[in-house]
Amino acid sequence: MSTIDFPSDLFASVSTKQIRERAFVAPDYLVKGIVPRHGFGIIYGPSGSFKSSFVLDLGHRIAAGWQWAERRGSKAPVAYVCAEGSGGIELRIRAFLDNHPNYPVDAQFTVIKTAPDL
């Protein structure tokens, strides 16, 4: 039977003593208190609960460097993955752009229209 060698830092652990001795570093956010700069997030909810509209608005504002819901924002590239299909996504994006004519043309917002097979 073969074994898999994982990198030593893949499952790195940290003790309570080490945490206590470290200086506190506040998390860095793309949207203050909502979207961390590093990490992973997911939006979920029942069908028809406006998840895609919510995320498209949030993602476009991050790509533009605009604030969201009166929270400070930082500019960053955004990749939107249509995990449940891409039907109507371009219409939703067009609606956002029509309602925000000052949206920067250099904003880095990309749509991946193929659902990933995880």
PDB file of N, CA and C in Angstrom:
ATOM      1  N   MET A   1       0.850  -1.178   0.000  1.00  0.00           N
ATOM      2  CA  MET A   1       0.000   0.000   0.000  1.00  0.00           C
ATOM      3  C   MET A   1       0.894   1.240   0.000  1.00  0.00           C
ATOM      4  N   SER A   2       0.605   2.176  -0.886  1.00  0.00           N
ATOM      5  CA  SER A   2       1.411   3.390  -0.948  1.00  0.00           C
ATOM      6  C   SER A   2       0.830   4.451  -0.019  1.00  0.00           C
ATOM      7  N   THR A   3       1.657   5.403   0.341  1.00  0.00           N
ATOM      8  CA  THR A   3       1.217   6.506   1.187  1.00  0.00           C
ATOM      9  C   THR A   3       1.422   7.805   0.426  1.00  0.00           C
ATOM     10  N   ILE A   4       0.710   8.817   0.841  1.00  0.00           N
ATOM     11  CA  ILE A   4       0.836  10.139   0.237  1.00  0.00           C
ATOM     12  C   ILE A   4       1.610  11.022   1.195  1.00  0.00           C
ATOM     13  N   ASP A   5       2.637  11.660   0.673  1.00  0.00           N
ATOM     14  CA  ASP A   5       3.407  12.596   1.489  1.00  0.00           C
ATOM     15  C   ASP A   5       2.831  14.001   1.327  1.00  0.00           C
ATOM     16  N   PHE A   6       2.239  14.527   2.393  1.00  0.00           N
ATOM     17  CA  PHE A   6       1.702  15.879   2.377  1.00  0.00           C
ATOM     18  C   PHE A   6       2.793  16.852   2.797  1.00  0.00           C
ATOM     19  N   PRO A   7       2.752  18.082   2.287  1.00  0.00           N
ATOM     20  CA  PRO A   7       3.702  19.089   2.767  1.00  0.00           C
ATOM     21  C   PRO A   7       3.553  19.250   4.278  1.00  0.00           C
ATOM     22  N   SER A   8       4.640  19.486   4.947  1.00  0.00           N
ATOM     23  CA  SER A   8       4.610  19.550   6.414  1.00  0.00           C
ATOM     24  C   SER A   8       3.732  20.674   6.944  1.00  0.00           C
ATOM     25  N   ASP A   9       3.547  21.735   6.159  1.00  0.00           N
ATOM     26  CA  ASP A   9       2.743  22.847   6.651  1.00  0.00           C
ATOM     27  C   ASP A   9       1.274  22.767   6.224  1.00  0.00           C
ATOM     28  N   LEU A  10       0.885  21.699   5.516  1.00  0.00           N
ATOM     29  CA  LEU A  10      -0.486  21.577   5.032  1.00  0.00           C
ATOM     30  C   LEU A  10      -1.481  21.513   6.189  1.00  0.00           C
ATOM     31  N   PHE A  11      -1.151  20.765   7.216  1.00  0.00           N
ATOM     32  CA  PHE A  11      -2.012  20.642   8.388  1.00  0.00           C
ATOM     33  C   PHE A  11      -1.290  21.188   9.617  1.00  0.00           C
ATOM     34  N   ALA A  12      -0.706  22.366   9.436  1.00  0.00           N
ATOM     35  CA  ALA A  12       0.044  22.978  10.532  1.00  0.00           C
ATOM     36  C   ALA A  12      -0.883  23.271  11.702  1.00  0.00           C
ATOM     37  N   SER A  13      -0.362  23.075  12.887  1.00  0.00           N
ATOM     38  CA  SER A  13      -1.156  23.356  14.084  1.00  0.00           C
ATOM     39  C   SER A  13      -0.503  24.495  14.858  1.00  0.00           C
ATOM     40  N   VAL A  14      -1.284  25.099  15.694  1.00  0.00           N
ATOM     41  CA  VAL A  14      -0.789  26.168  16.548  1.00  0.00           C
ATOM     42  C   VAL A  14      -1.386  25.970  17.942  1.00  0.00           C
ATOM     43  N   SER A  15      -0.562  26.108  18.942  1.00  0.00           N
ATOM     44  CA  SER A  15      -1.022  25.888  20.317  1.00  0.00           C
ATOM     45  C   SER A  15      -1.618  27.166  20.905  1.00  0.00           C
ATOM     46  N   THR A  16      -2.380  26.996  21.963  1.00  0.00           N
ATOM     47  CA  THR A  16      -2.930  28.136  22.672  1.00  0.00           C
ATOM     48  C   THR A  16      -1.806  29.029  23.189  1.00  0.00           C
ATOM     49  N   LYS A  17      -0.730  28.423  23.653  1.00  0.00           N
ATOM     50  CA  LYS A  17       0.425  29.190  24.142  1.00  0.00           C
ATOM     51  C   LYS A  17       1.001  30.059  23.023  1.00  0.00           C
ATOM     52  N   GLN A  18       1.145  29.508  21.823  1.00  0.00           N
ATOM     53  CA  GLN A  18       1.667  30.285  20.698  1.00  0.00           C
ATOM     54  C   GLN A  18       0.732  31.439  20.340  1.00  0.00           C
ATOM     55  N   ILE A  19      -0.566  31.173  20.360  1.00  0.00           N
ATOM     56  CA  ILE A  19      -1.539  32.226  20.057  1.00  0.00           C
ATOM     57  C   ILE A  19      -1.458  33.339  21.090  1.00  0.00           C
ATOM     58  N   ARG A  20      -1.343  32.958  22.361  1.00  0.00           N
ATOM     59  CA  ARG A  20      -1.269  33.939  23.437  1.00  0.00           C
ATOM     60  C   ARG A  20      -0.045  34.832  23.283  1.00  0.00           C
ATOM     61  N   GLU A  21       1.061  34.265  22.802  1.00  0.00           N
ATOM     62  CA  GLU A  21       2.315  35.009  22.703  1.00  0.00           C
ATOM     63  C   GLU A  21       2.412  35.879  21.445  1.00  0.00           C
ATOM     64  N   ARG A  22       1.572  35.637  20.481  1.00  0.00           N
ATOM     65  CA  ARG A  22       1.606  36.407  19.241  1.00  0.00           C
ATOM     66  C   ARG A  22       0.944  37.764  19.419  1.00  0.00           C
ATOM     67  N   ALA A  23       1.431  38.727  18.642  1.00  0.00           N
ATOM     68  CA  ALA A  23       0.775  40.031  18.605  1.00  0.00           C
ATOM     69  C   ALA A  23      -0.525  39.878  17.822  1.00  0.00           C
ATOM     70  N   PHE A  24      -1.562  40.566  18.261  1.00  0.00           N
ATOM     71  CA  PHE A  24      -2.845  40.499  17.565  1.00  0.00           C
ATOM     72  C   PHE A  24      -2.759  41.267  16.260  1.00  0.00           C
ATOM     73  N   VAL A  25      -3.217  40.654  15.190  1.00  0.00           N
ATOM     74  CA  VAL A  25      -3.289  41.310  13.891  1.00  0.00           C
ATOM     75  C   VAL A  25      -4.739  41.238  13.438  1.00  0.00           C
ATOM     76  N   ALA A  26      -5.346  42.396  13.258  1.00  0.00           N
ATOM     77  CA  ALA A  26      -6.746  42.435  12.836  1.00  0.00           C
ATOM     78  C   ALA A  26      -6.878  41.878  11.426  1.00  0.00           C
ATOM     79  N   PRO A  27      -7.969  41.173  11.149  1.00  0.00           N
ATOM     80  CA  PRO A  27      -8.175  40.649   9.795  1.00  0.00           C
ATOM     81  C   PRO A  27      -8.277  41.778   8.779  1.00  0.00           C
ATOM     82  N   ASP A  28      -7.861  41.501   7.569  1.00  0.00           N
ATOM     83  CA  ASP A  28      -7.927  42.463   6.481  1.00  0.00           C
ATOM     84  C   ASP A  28      -9.173  42.143   5.645  1.00  0.00           C
ATOM     85  N   TYR A  29      -9.959  43.153   5.330  1.00  0.00           N
ATOM     86  CA  TYR A  29     -11.226  42.944   4.629  1.00  0.00           C
ATOM     87  C   TYR A  29     -11.256  43.667   3.288  1.00  0.00           C
ATOM     88  N   LEU A  30     -11.951  43.059   2.312  1.00  0.00           N
ATOM     89  CA  LEU A  30     -12.272  43.745   1.063  1.00  0.00           C
ATOM     90  C   LEU A  30     -13.486  44.635   1.268  1.00  0.00           C
ATOM     91  N   VAL A  31     -14.456  44.153   2.044  1.00  0.00           N
ATOM     92  CA  VAL A  31     -15.588  44.952   2.502  1.00  0.00           C
ATOM     93  C   VAL A  31     -15.586  44.813   4.012  1.00  0.00           C
ATOM     94  N   LYS A  32     -15.366  45.928   4.688  1.00  0.00           N
ATOM     95  CA  LYS A  32     -15.147  45.917   6.127  1.00  0.00           C
ATOM     96  C   LYS A  32     -16.189  45.080   6.879  1.00  0.00           C
ATOM     97  N   GLY A  33     -15.687  44.062   7.598  1.00  0.00           N
ATOM     98  CA  GLY A  33     -16.521  43.220   8.434  1.00  0.00           C
ATOM     99  C   GLY A  33     -17.367  42.193   7.696  1.00  0.00           C
ATOM    100  N   ILE A  34     -17.293  42.175   6.352  1.00  0.00           N
ATOM    101  CA  ILE A  34     -18.153  41.281   5.573  1.00  0.00           C
ATOM    102  C   ILE A  34     -17.352  40.290   4.738  1.00  0.00           C
ATOM    103  N   VAL A  35     -16.436  40.792   3.917  1.00  0.00           N
ATOM    104  CA  VAL A  35     -15.691  39.948   2.979  1.00  0.00           C
ATOM    105  C   VAL A  35     -14.208  39.997   3.320  1.00  0.00           C
ATOM    106  N   PRO A  36     -13.650  38.914   3.854  1.00  0.00           N
ATOM    107  CA  PRO A  36     -12.218  38.919   4.186  1.00  0.00           C
ATOM    108  C   PRO A  36     -11.359  38.926   2.922  1.00  0.00           C
ATOM    109  N   ARG A  37     -10.197  39.566   3.008  1.00  0.00           N
ATOM    110  CA  ARG A  37      -9.272  39.592   1.872  1.00  0.00           C
ATOM    111  C   ARG A  37      -8.715  38.201   1.594  1.00  0.00           C
ATOM    112  N   HIS A  38      -8.497  37.425   2.640  1.00  0.00           N
ATOM    113  CA  HIS A  38      -7.961  36.073   2.489  1.00  0.00           C
ATOM    114  C   HIS A  38      -8.956  35.088   3.078  1.00  0.00           C
ATOM    115  N   GLY A  39      -9.177  34.013   2.380  1.00  0.00           N
ATOM    116  CA  GLY A  39     -10.099  33.008   2.882  1.00  0.00           C
ATOM    117  C   GLY A  39     -11.109  32.630   1.829  1.00  0.00           C
ATOM    118  N   PHE A  40     -12.175  32.051   2.281  1.00  0.00           N
ATOM    119  CA  PHE A  40     -13.193  31.516   1.389  1.00  0.00           C
ATOM    120  C   PHE A  40     -14.556  31.805   1.993  1.00  0.00           C
ATOM    121  N   GLY A  41     -15.487  32.157   1.154  1.00  0.00           N
ATOM    122  CA  GLY A  41     -16.839  32.394   1.642  1.00  0.00           C
ATOM    123  C   GLY A  41     -17.848  31.776   0.712  1.00  0.00           C
ATOM    124  N   ILE A  42     -19.053  31.620   1.198  1.00  0.00           N
ATOM    125  CA  ILE A  42     -20.118  31.055   0.383  1.00  0.00           C
ATOM    126  C   ILE A  42     -21.422  31.747   0.760  1.00  0.00           C
ATOM    127  N   ILE A  43     -22.246  31.965  -0.244  1.00  0.00           N
ATOM    128  CA  ILE A  43     -23.578  32.520  -0.024  1.00  0.00           C
ATOM    129  C   ILE A  43     -24.567  31.412  -0.384  1.00  0.00           C
ATOM    130  N   TYR A  44     -25.462  31.092   0.512  1.00  0.00           N
ATOM    131  CA  TYR A  44     -26.424  30.038   0.221  1.00  0.00           C
ATOM    132  C   TYR A  44     -27.806  30.441   0.719  1.00  0.00           C
ATOM    133  N   GLY A  45     -28.803  29.827   0.145  1.00  0.00           N
ATOM    134  CA  GLY A  45     -30.173  30.108   0.537  1.00  0.00           C
ATOM    135  C   GLY A  45     -31.118  29.445  -0.432  1.00  0.00           C
ATOM    136  N   PRO A  46     -32.404  29.523  -0.158  1.00  0.00           N
ATOM    137  CA  PRO A  46     -33.380  28.873  -1.029  1.00  0.00           C
ATOM    138  C   PRO A  46     -33.444  29.542  -2.397  1.00  0.00           C
ATOM    139  N   SER A  47     -33.941  28.808  -3.359  1.00  0.00           N
ATOM    140  CA  SER A  47     -34.133  29.327  -4.697  1.00  0.00           C
ATOM    141  C   SER A  47     -35.020  30.571  -4.642  1.00  0.00           C
ATOM    142  N   GLY A  48     -34.676  31.564  -5.414  1.00  0.00           N
ATOM    143  CA  GLY A  48     -35.477  32.784  -5.459  1.00  0.00           C
ATOM    144  C   GLY A  48     -35.211  33.766  -4.337  1.00  0.00           C
ATOM    145  N   SER A  49     -34.146  33.561  -3.561  1.00  0.00           N
ATOM    146  CA  SER A  49     -33.870  34.466  -2.437  1.00  0.00           C
ATOM    147  C   SER A  49     -32.882  35.577  -2.814  1.00  0.00           C
ATOM    148  N   PHE A  50     -32.674  35.796  -4.114  1.00  0.00           N
ATOM    149  CA  PHE A  50     -31.857  36.892  -4.642  1.00  0.00           C
ATOM    150  C   PHE A  50     -30.369  36.761  -4.333  1.00  0.00           C
ATOM    151  N   LYS A  51     -29.894  35.517  -4.187  1.00  0.00           N
ATOM    152  CA  LYS A  51     -28.467  35.289  -3.924  1.00  0.00           C
ATOM    153  C   LYS A  51     -27.604  35.857  -5.039  1.00  0.00           C
ATOM    154  N   SER A  52     -27.963  35.539  -6.284  1.00  0.00           N
ATOM    155  CA  SER A  52     -27.121  35.996  -7.395  1.00  0.00           C
ATOM    156  C   SER A  52     -27.137  37.517  -7.500  1.00  0.00           C
ATOM    157  N   SER A  53     -28.264  38.148  -7.293  1.00  0.00           N
ATOM    158  CA  SER A  53     -28.328  39.610  -7.336  1.00  0.00           C
ATOM    159  C   SER A  53     -27.464  40.221  -6.240  1.00  0.00           C
ATOM    160  N   PHE A  54     -27.544  39.653  -5.052  1.00  0.00           N
ATOM    161  CA  PHE A  54     -26.740  40.110  -3.916  1.00  0.00           C
ATOM    162  C   PHE A  54     -25.250  40.004  -4.233  1.00  0.00           C
ATOM    163  N   VAL A  55     -24.833  38.829  -4.726  1.00  0.00           N
ATOM    164  CA  VAL A  55     -23.415  38.598  -4.969  1.00  0.00           C
ATOM    165  C   VAL A  55     -22.917  39.404  -6.164  1.00  0.00           C
ATOM    166  N   LEU A  56     -23.735  39.552  -7.191  1.00  0.00           N
ATOM    167  CA  LEU A  56     -23.327  40.370  -8.337  1.00  0.00           C
ATOM    168  C   LEU A  56     -23.107  41.821  -7.916  1.00  0.00           C
ATOM    169  N   ASP A  57     -23.995  42.359  -7.086  1.00  0.00           N
ATOM    170  CA  ASP A  57     -23.825  43.727  -6.591  1.00  0.00           C
ATOM    171  C   ASP A  57     -22.559  43.834  -5.747  1.00  0.00           C
ATOM    172  N   LEU A  58     -22.400  42.922  -4.810  1.00  0.00           N
ATOM    173  CA  LEU A  58     -21.228  42.925  -3.933  1.00  0.00           C
ATOM    174  C   LEU A  58     -19.938  42.774  -4.744  1.00  0.00           C
ATOM    175  N   GLY A  59     -19.909  41.817  -5.664  1.00  0.00           N
ATOM    176  CA  GLY A  59     -18.709  41.575  -6.467  1.00  0.00           C
ATOM    177  C   GLY A  59     -18.349  42.739  -7.363  1.00  0.00           C
ATOM    178  N   HIS A  60     -19.350  43.348  -7.989  1.00  0.00           N
ATOM    179  CA  HIS A  60     -19.060  44.503  -8.839  1.00  0.00           C
ATOM    180  C   HIS A  60     -18.531  45.682  -8.020  1.00  0.00           C
ATOM    181  N   ARG A  61     -19.040  45.851  -6.834  1.00  0.00           N
ATOM    182  CA  ARG A  61     -18.552  46.942  -5.977  1.00  0.00           C
ATOM    183  C   ARG A  61     -17.117  46.692  -5.510  1.00  0.00           C
ATOM    184  N   ILE A  62     -16.781  45.432  -5.239  1.00  0.00           N
ATOM    185  CA  ILE A  62     -15.389  45.106  -4.883  1.00  0.00           C
ATOM    186  C   ILE A  62     -14.482  45.353  -6.083  1.00  0.00           C
ATOM    187  N   ALA A  63     -14.888  44.908  -7.267  1.00  0.00           N
ATOM    188  CA  ALA A  63     -14.084  45.093  -8.473  1.00  0.00           C
ATOM    189  C   ALA A  63     -13.863  46.579  -8.778  1.00  0.00           C
ATOM    190  N   ALA A  64     -14.843  47.418  -8.426  1.00  0.00           N
ATOM    191  CA  ALA A  64     -14.737  48.861  -8.667  1.00  0.00           C
ATOM    192  C   ALA A  64     -14.042  49.598  -7.523  1.00  0.00           C
ATOM    193  N   GLY A  65     -13.934  48.942  -6.358  1.00  0.00           N
ATOM    194  CA  GLY A  65     -13.362  49.612  -5.185  1.00  0.00           C
ATOM    195  C   GLY A  65     -14.350  50.520  -4.483  1.00  0.00           C
ATOM    196  N   TRP A  66     -15.634  50.280  -4.708  1.00  0.00           N
ATOM    197  CA  TRP A  66     -16.681  51.087  -4.085  1.00  0.00           C
ATOM    198  C   TRP A  66     -17.066  50.519  -2.725  1.00  0.00           C
ATOM    199  N   GLN A  67     -17.686  51.357  -1.899  1.00  0.00           N
ATOM    200  CA  GLN A  67     -18.217  50.864  -0.632  1.00  0.00           C
ATOM    201  C   GLN A  67     -19.460  50.029  -0.905  1.00  0.00           C
ATOM    202  N   TRP A  68     -19.824  49.214   0.056  1.00  0.00           N
ATOM    203  CA  TRP A  68     -21.027  48.397  -0.047  1.00  0.00           C
ATOM    204  C   TRP A  68     -21.795  48.521   1.265  1.00  0.00           C
ATOM    205  N   ALA A  69     -23.064  48.843   1.188  1.00  0.00           N
ATOM    206  CA  ALA A  69     -23.929  48.991   2.369  1.00  0.00           C
ATOM    207  C   ALA A  69     -23.279  49.892   3.420  1.00  0.00           C
ATOM    208  N   GLU A  70     -22.733  50.999   2.944  1.00  0.00           N
ATOM    209  CA  GLU A  70     -22.085  51.996   3.797  1.00  0.00           C
ATOM    210  C   GLU A  70     -20.864  51.454   4.534  1.00  0.00           C
ATOM    211  N   ARG A  71     -20.276  50.387   4.007  1.00  0.00           N
ATOM    212  CA  ARG A  71     -19.049  49.817   4.576  1.00  0.00           C
ATOM    213  C   ARG A  71     -17.908  50.062   3.603  1.00  0.00           C
ATOM    214  N   ARG A  72     -16.784  50.448   4.161  1.00  0.00           N
ATOM    215  CA  ARG A  72     -15.598  50.734   3.355  1.00  0.00           C
ATOM    216  C   ARG A  72     -15.218  49.517   2.511  1.00  0.00           C
ATOM    217  N   GLY A  73     -14.843  49.764   1.279  1.00  0.00           N
ATOM    218  CA  GLY A  73     -14.447  48.681   0.386  1.00  0.00           C
ATOM    219  C   GLY A  73     -13.063  48.891  -0.181  1.00  0.00           C
ATOM    220  N   SER A  74     -12.425  47.809  -0.573  1.00  0.00           N
ATOM    221  CA  SER A  74     -11.129  47.836  -1.234  1.00  0.00           C
ATOM    222  C   SER A  74     -11.280  47.219  -2.614  1.00  0.00           C
ATOM    223  N   LYS A  75     -10.545  47.751  -3.562  1.00  0.00           N
ATOM    224  CA  LYS A  75     -10.612  47.260  -4.937  1.00  0.00           C
ATOM    225  C   LYS A  75      -9.818  45.968  -5.077  1.00  0.00           C
ATOM    226  N   ALA A  76     -10.417  44.981  -5.752  1.00  0.00           N
ATOM    227  CA  ALA A  76      -9.747  43.702  -5.992  1.00  0.00           C
ATOM    228  C   ALA A  76     -10.420  43.013  -7.174  1.00  0.00           C
ATOM    229  N   PRO A  77      -9.694  42.163  -7.882  1.00  0.00           N
ATOM    230  CA  PRO A  77     -10.324  41.392  -8.954  1.00  0.00           C
ATOM    231  C   PRO A  77     -11.350  40.414  -8.383  1.00  0.00           C
ATOM    232  N   VAL A  78     -12.417  40.173  -9.141  1.00  0.00           N
ATOM    233  CA  VAL A  78     -13.483  39.269  -8.709  1.00  0.00           C
ATOM    234  C   VAL A  78     -13.758  38.263  -9.820  1.00  0.00           C
ATOM    235  N   ALA A  79     -13.865  36.994  -9.449  1.00  0.00           N
ATOM    236  CA  ALA A  79     -14.293  35.942 -10.376  1.00  0.00           C
ATOM    237  C   ALA A  79     -15.590  35.367  -9.829  1.00  0.00           C
ATOM    238  N   TYR A  80     -16.660  35.504 -10.587  1.00  0.00           N
ATOM    239  CA  TYR A  80     -17.977  35.003 -10.196  1.00  0.00           C
ATOM    240  C   TYR A  80     -18.176  33.656 -10.885  1.00  0.00           C
ATOM    241  N   VAL A  81     -18.376  32.600 -10.100  1.00  0.00           N
ATOM    242  CA  VAL A  81     -18.576  31.259 -10.640  1.00  0.00           C
ATOM    243  C   VAL A  81     -20.068  30.940 -10.617  1.00  0.00           C
ATOM    244  N   CYS A  82     -20.626  30.676 -11.789  1.00  0.00           N
ATOM    245  CA  CYS A  82     -22.046  30.308 -11.901  1.00  0.00           C
ATOM    246  C   CYS A  82     -22.193  28.839 -11.534  1.00  0.00           C
ATOM    247  N   ALA A  83     -22.158  28.549 -10.257  1.00  0.00           N
ATOM    248  CA  ALA A  83     -22.147  27.161  -9.800  1.00  0.00           C
ATOM    249  C   ALA A  83     -23.456  26.430 -10.067  1.00  0.00           C
ATOM    250  N   GLU A  84     -24.535  27.150 -10.200  1.00  0.00           N
ATOM    251  CA  GLU A  84     -25.826  26.504 -10.458  1.00  0.00           C
ATOM    252  C   GLU A  84     -26.355  26.849 -11.840  1.00  0.00           C
ATOM    253  N   GLY A  85     -25.438  27.146 -12.751  1.00  0.00           N
ATOM    254  CA  GLY A  85     -25.848  27.476 -14.104  1.00  0.00           C
ATOM    255  C   GLY A  85     -25.743  28.958 -14.380  1.00  0.00           C
ATOM    256  N   SER A  86     -25.724  29.288 -15.661  1.00  0.00           N
ATOM    257  CA  SER A  86     -25.484  30.677 -16.032  1.00  0.00           C
ATOM    258  C   SER A  86     -26.684  31.346 -16.690  1.00  0.00           C
ATOM    259  N   GLY A  87     -27.838  30.711 -16.621  1.00  0.00           N
ATOM    260  CA  GLY A  87     -29.022  31.293 -17.245  1.00  0.00           C
ATOM    261  C   GLY A  87     -29.333  32.676 -16.707  1.00  0.00           C
ATOM    262  N   GLY A  88     -29.374  33.646 -17.592  1.00  0.00           N
ATOM    263  CA  GLY A  88     -29.749  35.001 -17.197  1.00  0.00           C
ATOM    264  C   GLY A  88     -28.658  35.829 -16.559  1.00  0.00           C
ATOM    265  N   ILE A  89     -27.472  35.298 -16.394  1.00  0.00           N
ATOM    266  CA  ILE A  89     -26.425  36.048 -15.692  1.00  0.00           C
ATOM    267  C   ILE A  89     -26.052  37.324 -16.438  1.00  0.00           C
ATOM    268  N   GLU A  90     -25.986  37.234 -17.764  1.00  0.00           N
ATOM    269  CA  GLU A  90     -25.624  38.419 -18.531  1.00  0.00           C
ATOM    270  C   GLU A  90     -26.705  39.496 -18.437  1.00  0.00           C
ATOM    271  N   LEU A  91     -27.959  39.093 -18.359  1.00  0.00           N
ATOM    272  CA  LEU A  91     -29.039  40.071 -18.179  1.00  0.00           C
ATOM    273  C   LEU A  91     -28.916  40.768 -16.830  1.00  0.00           C
ATOM    274  N   ARG A  92     -28.574  40.015 -15.798  1.00  0.00           N
ATOM    275  CA  ARG A  92     -28.404  40.615 -14.465  1.00  0.00           C
ATOM    276  C   ARG A  92     -27.237  41.590 -14.454  1.00  0.00           C
ATOM    277  N   ILE A  93     -26.145  41.205 -15.098  1.00  0.00           N
ATOM    278  CA  ILE A  93     -24.979  42.095 -15.155  1.00  0.00           C
ATOM    279  C   ILE A  93     -25.314  43.352 -15.955  1.00  0.00           C
ATOM    280  N   ARG A  94     -26.022  43.189 -17.079  1.00  0.00           N
ATOM    281  CA  ARG A  94     -26.437  44.350 -17.883  1.00  0.00           C
ATOM    282  C   ARG A  94     -27.305  45.284 -17.057  1.00  0.00           C
ATOM    283  N   ALA A  95     -28.210  44.738 -16.248  1.00  0.00           N
ATOM    284  CA  ALA A  95     -29.068  45.564 -15.391  1.00  0.00           C
ATOM    285  C   ALA A  95     -28.223  46.353 -14.393  1.00  0.00           C
ATOM    286  N   PHE A  96     -27.213  45.703 -13.812  1.00  0.00           N
ATOM    287  CA  PHE A  96     -26.330  46.413 -12.879  1.00  0.00           C
ATOM    288  C   PHE A  96     -25.628  47.554 -13.605  1.00  0.00           C
ATOM    289  N   LEU A  97     -25.057  47.264 -14.775  1.00  0.00           N
ATOM    290  CA  LEU A  97     -24.320  48.285 -15.538  1.00  0.00           C
ATOM    291  C   LEU A  97     -25.241  49.420 -15.977  1.00  0.00           C
ATOM    292  N   ASP A  98     -26.471  49.097 -16.382  1.00  0.00           N
ATOM    293  CA  ASP A  98     -27.428  50.131 -16.774  1.00  0.00           C
ATOM    294  C   ASP A  98     -27.763  51.054 -15.605  1.00  0.00           C
ATOM    295  N   ASN A  99     -27.775  50.496 -14.393  1.00  0.00           N
ATOM    296  CA  ASN A  99     -28.098  51.287 -13.203  1.00  0.00           C
ATOM    297  C   ASN A  99     -26.888  51.967 -12.585  1.00  0.00           C
ATOM    298  N   HIS A 100     -25.709  51.680 -13.096  1.00  0.00           N
ATOM    299  CA  HIS A 100     -24.462  52.287 -12.591  1.00  0.00           C
ATOM    300  C   HIS A 100     -23.612  52.742 -13.772  1.00  0.00           C
ATOM    301  N   PRO A 101     -24.049  53.790 -14.471  1.00  0.00           N
ATOM    302  CA  PRO A 101     -23.338  54.233 -15.675  1.00  0.00           C
ATOM    303  C   PRO A 101     -21.910  54.693 -15.406  1.00  0.00           C
ATOM    304  N   ASN A 102     -21.578  55.003 -14.163  1.00  0.00           N
ATOM    305  CA  ASN A 102     -20.214  55.429 -13.828  1.00  0.00           C
ATOM    306  C   ASN A 102     -19.314  54.252 -13.420  1.00  0.00           C
ATOM    307  N   TYR A 103     -19.782  53.022 -13.650  1.00  0.00           N
ATOM    308  CA  TYR A 103     -18.974  51.839 -13.321  1.00  0.00           C
ATOM    309  C   TYR A 103     -17.685  51.880 -14.143  1.00  0.00           C
ATOM    310  N   PRO A 104     -16.527  51.733 -13.497  1.00  0.00           N
ATOM    311  CA  PRO A 104     -15.252  51.854 -14.223  1.00  0.00           C
ATOM    312  C   PRO A 104     -15.054  50.754 -15.267  1.00  0.00           C
ATOM    313  N   VAL A 105     -14.616  51.153 -16.452  1.00  0.00           N
ATOM    314  CA  VAL A 105     -14.406  50.179 -17.525  1.00  0.00           C
ATOM    315  C   VAL A 105     -13.227  49.257 -17.227  1.00  0.00           C
ATOM    316  N   ASP A 106     -12.333  49.676 -16.325  1.00  0.00           N
ATOM    317  CA  ASP A 106     -11.168  48.837 -15.997  1.00  0.00           C
ATOM    318  C   ASP A 106     -11.404  47.922 -14.787  1.00  0.00           C
ATOM    319  N   ALA A 107     -12.621  47.906 -14.245  1.00  0.00           N
ATOM    320  CA  ALA A 107     -12.920  47.020 -13.113  1.00  0.00           C
ATOM    321  C   ALA A 107     -12.749  45.572 -13.558  1.00  0.00           C
ATOM    322  N   GLN A 108     -12.099  44.773 -12.720  1.00  0.00           N
ATOM    323  CA  GLN A 108     -11.808  43.380 -13.070  1.00  0.00           C
ATOM    324  C   GLN A 108     -12.854  42.442 -12.465  1.00  0.00           C
ATOM    325  N   PHE A 109     -13.967  42.315 -13.176  1.00  0.00           N
ATOM    326  CA  PHE A 109     -15.038  41.402 -12.791  1.00  0.00           C
ATOM    327  C   PHE A 109     -15.181  40.389 -13.913  1.00  0.00           C
ATOM    328  N   THR A 110     -15.007  39.117 -13.601  1.00  0.00           N
ATOM    329  CA  THR A 110     -15.049  38.046 -14.589  1.00  0.00           C
ATOM    330  C   THR A 110     -16.099  37.030 -14.192  1.00  0.00           C
ATOM    331  N   VAL A 111     -16.801  36.497 -15.192  1.00  0.00           N
ATOM    332  CA  VAL A 111     -17.806  35.458 -14.957  1.00  0.00           C
ATOM    333  C   VAL A 111     -17.295  34.141 -15.525  1.00  0.00           C
ATOM    334  N   ILE A 112     -17.344  33.101 -14.717  1.00  0.00           N
ATOM    335  CA  ILE A 112     -17.045  31.746 -15.166  1.00  0.00           C
ATOM    336  C   ILE A 112     -18.400  31.054 -15.316  1.00  0.00           C
ATOM    337  N   LYS A 113     -18.802  30.839 -16.566  1.00  0.00           N
ATOM    338  CA  LYS A 113     -20.165  30.375 -16.839  1.00  0.00           C
ATOM    339  C   LYS A 113     -20.332  28.866 -16.785  1.00  0.00           C
ATOM    340  N   THR A 114     -19.246  28.129 -16.625  1.00  0.00           N
ATOM    341  CA  THR A 114     -19.323  26.675 -16.540  1.00  0.00           C
ATOM    342  C   THR A 114     -19.286  26.270 -15.069  1.00  0.00           C
ATOM    343  N   ALA A 115     -20.277  25.528 -14.644  1.00  0.00           N
ATOM    344  CA  ALA A 115     -20.304  25.076 -13.246  1.00  0.00           C
ATOM    345  C   ALA A 115     -19.154  24.100 -13.010  1.00  0.00           C
ATOM    346  N   PRO A 116     -18.403  24.301 -11.930  1.00  0.00           N
ATOM    347  CA  PRO A 116     -17.282  23.390 -11.655  1.00  0.00           C
ATOM    348  C   PRO A 116     -17.771  22.010 -11.216  1.00  0.00           C
ATOM    349  N   ASP A 117     -17.054  20.994 -11.594  1.00  0.00           N
ATOM    350  CA  ASP A 117     -17.352  19.640 -11.170  1.00  0.00           C
ATOM    351  C   ASP A 117     -16.404  19.303 -10.025  1.00  0.00           C
ATOM    352  N   LEU A 118     -16.880  19.528  -8.812  1.00  0.00           N
ATOM    353  CA  LEU A 118     -16.025  19.292  -7.655  1.00  0.00           C
ATOM    354  C   LEU A 118     -16.109  17.868  -7.199  1.00  0.00           C
TER     355      LEU A 118
END
